[in-house]
Amino acid sequence: MGYSMKFDAVIFDCDGVLVDSEAITTGVLREMLEELGWPLSHQECHALFVGKAVQDELAIIQQRTGRKPGQGWIDEFRIRRNSALSLNLEAVPGIHEALSRISPYWRSSIACASAADRGKISLQLDKVGLLGYFEDRMFSGYEVARNKPFPDVYLAAAKALDVAAQRCAIVEDSVTGVSAGVAAGAMVFAYSPLGHDETLFQAGASAVFTDMAALPDLLM
């Protein structure tokens, strides 16, 4: 690794950054919340839940439905979600090309750190053919003390890579995730395919980009 490199490691969020999963997952969640008596539009569900682990949001579900989902409900959500992902999941446009350019420079200093459970991370990356870029360098917010928007999962990833968090570039797409990366002390690049989202800058993103093909040039 040359001294000209801006970063010692690149850490990717998963959903919305590596895989185009959020509409699929949100669709399943909306169905199950409607079954509990809480109908939500896609936009409302996206605003409330994207970037967060569903198990961390049970209090708001209880507040709105009068029922706190138990472990059985969470298990059913994961089964239905994973089934839908297995059928319909695709990679984020341009991410294969971006990773093929990035990986020769960082090699084993590329990681994935997601708020999702480890099973979902592996299933998704395998489904879209990205697992090889990350191998055993996948980190779940379920396996640290606090999930995003706290920095714990990014700090765990940096520690495992033996890199200072301040020397990491983080690629995110949600306010929750950007907040976690900034809290870790890293520089955060926010992917926003629908346009430059001011809320991502307000959360602390150093750059917001709309085309994944632009990522390698931002990092190098």
Protein backbone atom coordinates (compact mmCIF):
# COMPACT_ATOMS: atom_id res chain seq x y z
CA MET A 1 0.00 0.00 0.00
CA GLY A 2 1.59 3.23 -1.15
CA TYR A 3 1.80 6.44 0.83
CA SER A 4 -0.39 8.14 -1.77
CA MET A 5 -3.44 6.18 -0.64
CA LYS A 6 -5.98 8.38 1.15
CA PHE A 7 -7.36 5.45 3.19
CA ASP A 8 -6.05 2.24 4.73
CA ALA A 9 -9.40 0.43 4.41
CA VAL A 10 -12.77 0.74 2.69
CA ILE A 11 -15.85 -0.46 4.59
CA PHE A 12 -19.20 -0.85 2.85
CA ASP A 13 -22.69 -0.92 4.26
CA CYS A 14 -24.69 -3.71 2.61
CA ASP A 15 -28.34 -2.82 1.94
CA GLY A 16 -28.70 -0.05 -0.61
CA VAL A 17 -24.92 0.09 -1.19
CA LEU A 18 -23.93 -3.40 -2.33
CA VAL A 19 -27.37 -4.90 -2.91
CA ASP A 20 -30.59 -3.29 -4.11
CA SER A 21 -32.58 -4.86 -1.28
CA GLU A 22 -34.40 -2.08 0.47
CA ALA A 23 -37.58 -2.06 -1.64
CA ILE A 24 -37.85 -5.87 -1.25
CA THR A 25 -37.31 -5.84 2.51
CA THR A 26 -39.58 -2.84 3.00
CA GLY A 27 -42.31 -4.58 0.99
CA VAL A 28 -42.26 -7.61 3.30
CA LEU A 29 -42.17 -5.40 6.39
CA ARG A 30 -45.13 -3.34 5.15
CA GLU A 31 -47.17 -6.52 4.60
CA MET A 32 -46.42 -7.77 8.10
CA LEU A 33 -47.10 -4.41 9.75
CA GLU A 34 -50.41 -4.16 7.91
CA GLU A 35 -51.28 -7.62 9.29
CA LEU A 36 -50.70 -6.11 12.76
CA GLY A 37 -53.06 -3.24 11.90
CA TRP A 38 -50.52 -0.58 10.92
CA PRO A 39 -50.77 0.28 7.19
CA LEU A 40 -47.85 2.33 5.88
CA SER A 41 -46.96 3.71 2.47
CA HIS A 42 -43.62 2.69 0.95
CA GLN A 43 -42.27 6.19 1.67
CA GLU A 44 -43.41 6.12 5.32
CA CYS A 45 -41.93 2.66 5.90
CA HIS A 46 -38.67 3.68 4.21
CA ALA A 47 -38.36 6.80 6.36
CA LEU A 48 -39.00 4.91 9.61
CA PHE A 49 -37.04 1.69 9.10
CA VAL A 50 -34.35 1.92 6.40
CA GLY A 51 -30.84 1.61 7.81
CA LYS A 52 -32.10 0.12 11.08
CA ALA A 53 -32.51 -3.42 12.38
CA VAL A 54 -36.19 -4.35 12.75
CA GLN A 55 -35.51 -5.96 16.13
CA ASP A 56 -34.33 -2.56 17.39
CA GLU A 57 -37.62 -0.92 16.36
CA LEU A 58 -40.08 -3.16 18.22
CA ALA A 59 -41.03 -0.36 20.63
CA ILE A 60 -42.38 1.85 17.84
CA ILE A 61 -44.28 -1.12 16.38
CA GLN A 62 -45.83 -1.76 19.80
CA GLN A 63 -46.63 1.94 20.19
CA ARG A 64 -48.50 2.03 16.86
CA THR A 65 -50.20 -1.40 16.99
CA GLY A 66 -50.67 -2.04 20.71
CA ARG A 67 -48.81 -5.35 20.33
CA LYS A 68 -45.11 -5.99 20.82
CA PRO A 69 -43.94 -8.55 18.26
CA GLY A 70 -42.28 -11.54 19.85
CA GLN A 71 -39.42 -13.71 18.62
CA GLY A 72 -41.84 -15.74 16.49
CA TRP A 73 -42.84 -12.60 14.56
CA ILE A 74 -39.19 -11.64 14.05
CA ASP A 75 -38.38 -15.19 12.84
CA GLU A 76 -41.31 -15.11 10.40
CA PHE A 77 -40.20 -11.71 9.10
CA ARG A 78 -36.70 -13.08 8.42
CA ILE A 79 -38.07 -16.17 6.66
CA ARG A 80 -40.40 -14.15 4.44
CA ARG A 81 -37.74 -11.50 3.80
CA ASN A 82 -35.04 -14.04 2.92
CA SER A 83 -37.42 -15.87 0.58
CA ALA A 84 -38.21 -12.63 -1.27
CA LEU A 85 -34.52 -11.68 -1.42
CA SER A 86 -33.55 -15.12 -2.75
CA LEU A 87 -36.03 -14.67 -5.60
CA ASN A 88 -35.65 -11.02 -6.52
CA LEU A 89 -32.41 -9.53 -5.19
CA GLU A 90 -30.02 -7.75 -7.56
CA ALA A 91 -26.72 -5.97 -7.04
CA VAL A 92 -26.68 -2.18 -6.89
CA PRO A 93 -26.04 -0.96 -10.45
CA GLY A 94 -22.33 -0.41 -11.03
CA ILE A 95 -21.08 -2.06 -7.82
CA HIS A 96 -19.41 -5.02 -9.58
CA GLU A 97 -17.40 -2.63 -11.73
CA ALA A 98 -16.58 -0.38 -8.76
CA LEU A 99 -15.35 -3.28 -6.63
CA SER A 100 -13.29 -4.72 -9.47
CA ARG A 101 -11.45 -1.38 -9.66
CA ILE A 102 -11.16 -0.90 -5.89
CA SER A 103 -10.13 -4.41 -4.83
CA PRO A 104 -6.61 -4.47 -6.39
CA TYR A 105 -5.69 -1.46 -4.24
CA TRP A 106 -7.15 -2.53 -0.90
CA ARG A 107 -7.38 -6.34 -1.32
CA SER A 108 -7.93 -7.72 2.20
CA SER A 109 -8.68 -4.26 3.60
CA ILE A 110 -12.21 -4.22 2.16
CA ALA A 111 -15.04 -5.11 4.54
CA CYS A 112 -18.82 -5.06 4.86
CA ALA A 113 -20.40 -3.71 8.05
CA SER A 114 -24.19 -3.88 8.16
CA ALA A 115 -26.98 -3.32 10.66
CA ALA A 116 -28.49 -6.60 9.40
CA ASP A 117 -28.02 -10.08 10.83
CA ARG A 118 -25.07 -12.08 9.52
CA GLY A 119 -27.27 -14.63 7.74
CA LYS A 120 -28.88 -11.91 5.67
CA ILE A 121 -25.53 -10.32 4.79
CA SER A 122 -24.07 -13.63 3.56
CA LEU A 123 -27.25 -14.63 1.70
CA GLN A 124 -27.37 -11.33 -0.14
CA LEU A 125 -23.71 -11.07 -1.11
CA ASP A 126 -23.71 -14.69 -2.29
CA LYS A 127 -26.91 -14.17 -4.31
CA VAL A 128 -25.44 -11.26 -6.32
CA GLY A 129 -21.92 -12.68 -6.69
CA LEU A 130 -20.09 -10.25 -4.36
CA LEU A 131 -19.17 -12.60 -1.51
CA GLY A 132 -15.64 -13.16 -2.86
CA TYR A 133 -14.69 -9.53 -2.33
CA PHE A 134 -15.42 -9.77 1.41
CA GLU A 135 -14.75 -13.42 2.43
CA ASP A 136 -14.57 -13.44 6.25
CA ARG A 137 -14.60 -9.64 6.54
CA MET A 138 -18.31 -9.23 7.22
CA PHE A 139 -19.56 -7.56 10.40
CA SER A 140 -23.10 -7.48 11.80
CA GLY A 141 -24.63 -4.82 14.01
CA TYR A 142 -26.41 -7.68 15.80
CA GLU A 143 -23.04 -8.86 17.15
CA VAL A 144 -21.94 -5.64 18.86
CA ALA A 145 -23.29 -3.87 21.94
CA ARG A 146 -25.17 -1.19 19.97
CA ASN A 147 -26.33 -1.22 16.36
CA LYS A 148 -26.29 1.75 13.98
CA PRO A 149 -26.61 4.76 14.39
CA PHE A 150 -23.97 4.00 17.03
CA PRO A 151 -20.44 3.41 15.67
CA ASP A 152 -19.84 -0.01 17.26
CA VAL A 153 -20.01 -2.17 14.10
CA TYR A 154 -17.67 0.16 12.20
CA LEU A 155 -15.24 0.26 15.11
CA ALA A 156 -15.31 -3.55 15.27
CA ALA A 157 -14.59 -3.78 11.53
CA ALA A 158 -11.69 -1.32 11.75
CA LYS A 159 -10.22 -3.19 14.71
CA ALA A 160 -10.46 -6.53 12.88
CA LEU A 161 -8.73 -4.99 9.86
CA ASP A 162 -6.06 -3.56 12.19
CA VAL A 163 -6.71 -0.06 10.87
CA ALA A 164 -7.51 3.16 12.74
CA ALA A 165 -11.13 4.15 12.13
CA GLN A 166 -9.90 7.63 11.13
CA ARG A 167 -8.05 5.97 8.22
CA CYS A 168 -11.19 4.24 6.91
CA ALA A 169 -13.50 5.27 4.10
CA ILE A 170 -17.09 4.20 4.74
CA VAL A 171 -19.71 3.87 2.00
CA GLU A 172 -23.28 4.35 3.22
CA ASP A 173 -26.71 5.31 1.90
CA SER A 174 -28.84 6.20 4.94
CA VAL A 175 -28.80 8.90 7.59
CA THR A 176 -28.59 6.17 10.24
CA GLY A 177 -25.52 4.65 8.60
CA VAL A 178 -23.82 7.94 7.86
CA SER A 179 -24.28 8.91 11.51
CA ALA A 180 -22.64 5.64 12.59
CA GLY A 181 -19.65 6.14 10.29
CA VAL A 182 -19.13 9.74 11.36
CA ALA A 183 -19.38 8.73 15.04
CA ALA A 184 -16.63 6.16 14.40
CA GLY A 185 -14.37 8.97 13.18
CA ALA A 186 -14.22 7.80 9.57
CA MET A 187 -14.80 9.70 6.34
CA VAL A 188 -18.21 8.76 4.93
CA PHE A 189 -19.20 8.70 1.26
CA ALA A 190 -22.97 8.59 0.82
CA TYR A 191 -24.56 6.90 -2.20
CA SER A 192 -27.85 8.55 -3.16
CA PRO A 193 -28.99 7.33 -6.60
CA LEU A 194 -32.09 9.52 -6.65
CA GLY A 195 -30.12 12.73 -6.20
CA HIS A 196 -27.96 14.67 -3.76
CA ASP A 197 -29.82 14.28 -0.49
CA GLU A 198 -29.18 17.22 1.85
CA THR A 199 -30.03 15.08 4.90
CA LEU A 200 -26.96 12.92 4.18
CA PHE A 201 -24.71 15.99 4.24
CA GLN A 202 -26.43 17.15 7.42
CA ALA A 203 -25.66 13.75 8.99
CA GLY A 204 -21.97 14.35 8.27
CA ALA A 205 -21.25 12.76 4.88
CA SER A 206 -18.11 14.18 3.28
CA ALA A 207 -19.45 13.54 -0.21
CA VAL A 208 -22.76 12.45 -1.73
CA PHE A 209 -22.66 10.69 -5.10
CA THR A 210 -25.38 9.39 -7.41
CA ASP A 211 -23.50 6.86 -9.59
CA MET A 212 -21.66 3.88 -8.07
CA ALA A 213 -19.22 3.99 -11.01
CA ALA A 214 -17.90 7.27 -9.55
CA LEU A 215 -16.86 5.68 -6.24
CA PRO A 216 -13.33 4.48 -7.17
CA ASP A 217 -12.32 7.97 -8.29
CA LEU A 218 -13.65 9.44 -5.02
CA LEU A 219 -11.60 6.98 -2.98
CA MET A 220 -8.33 7.07 -4.89
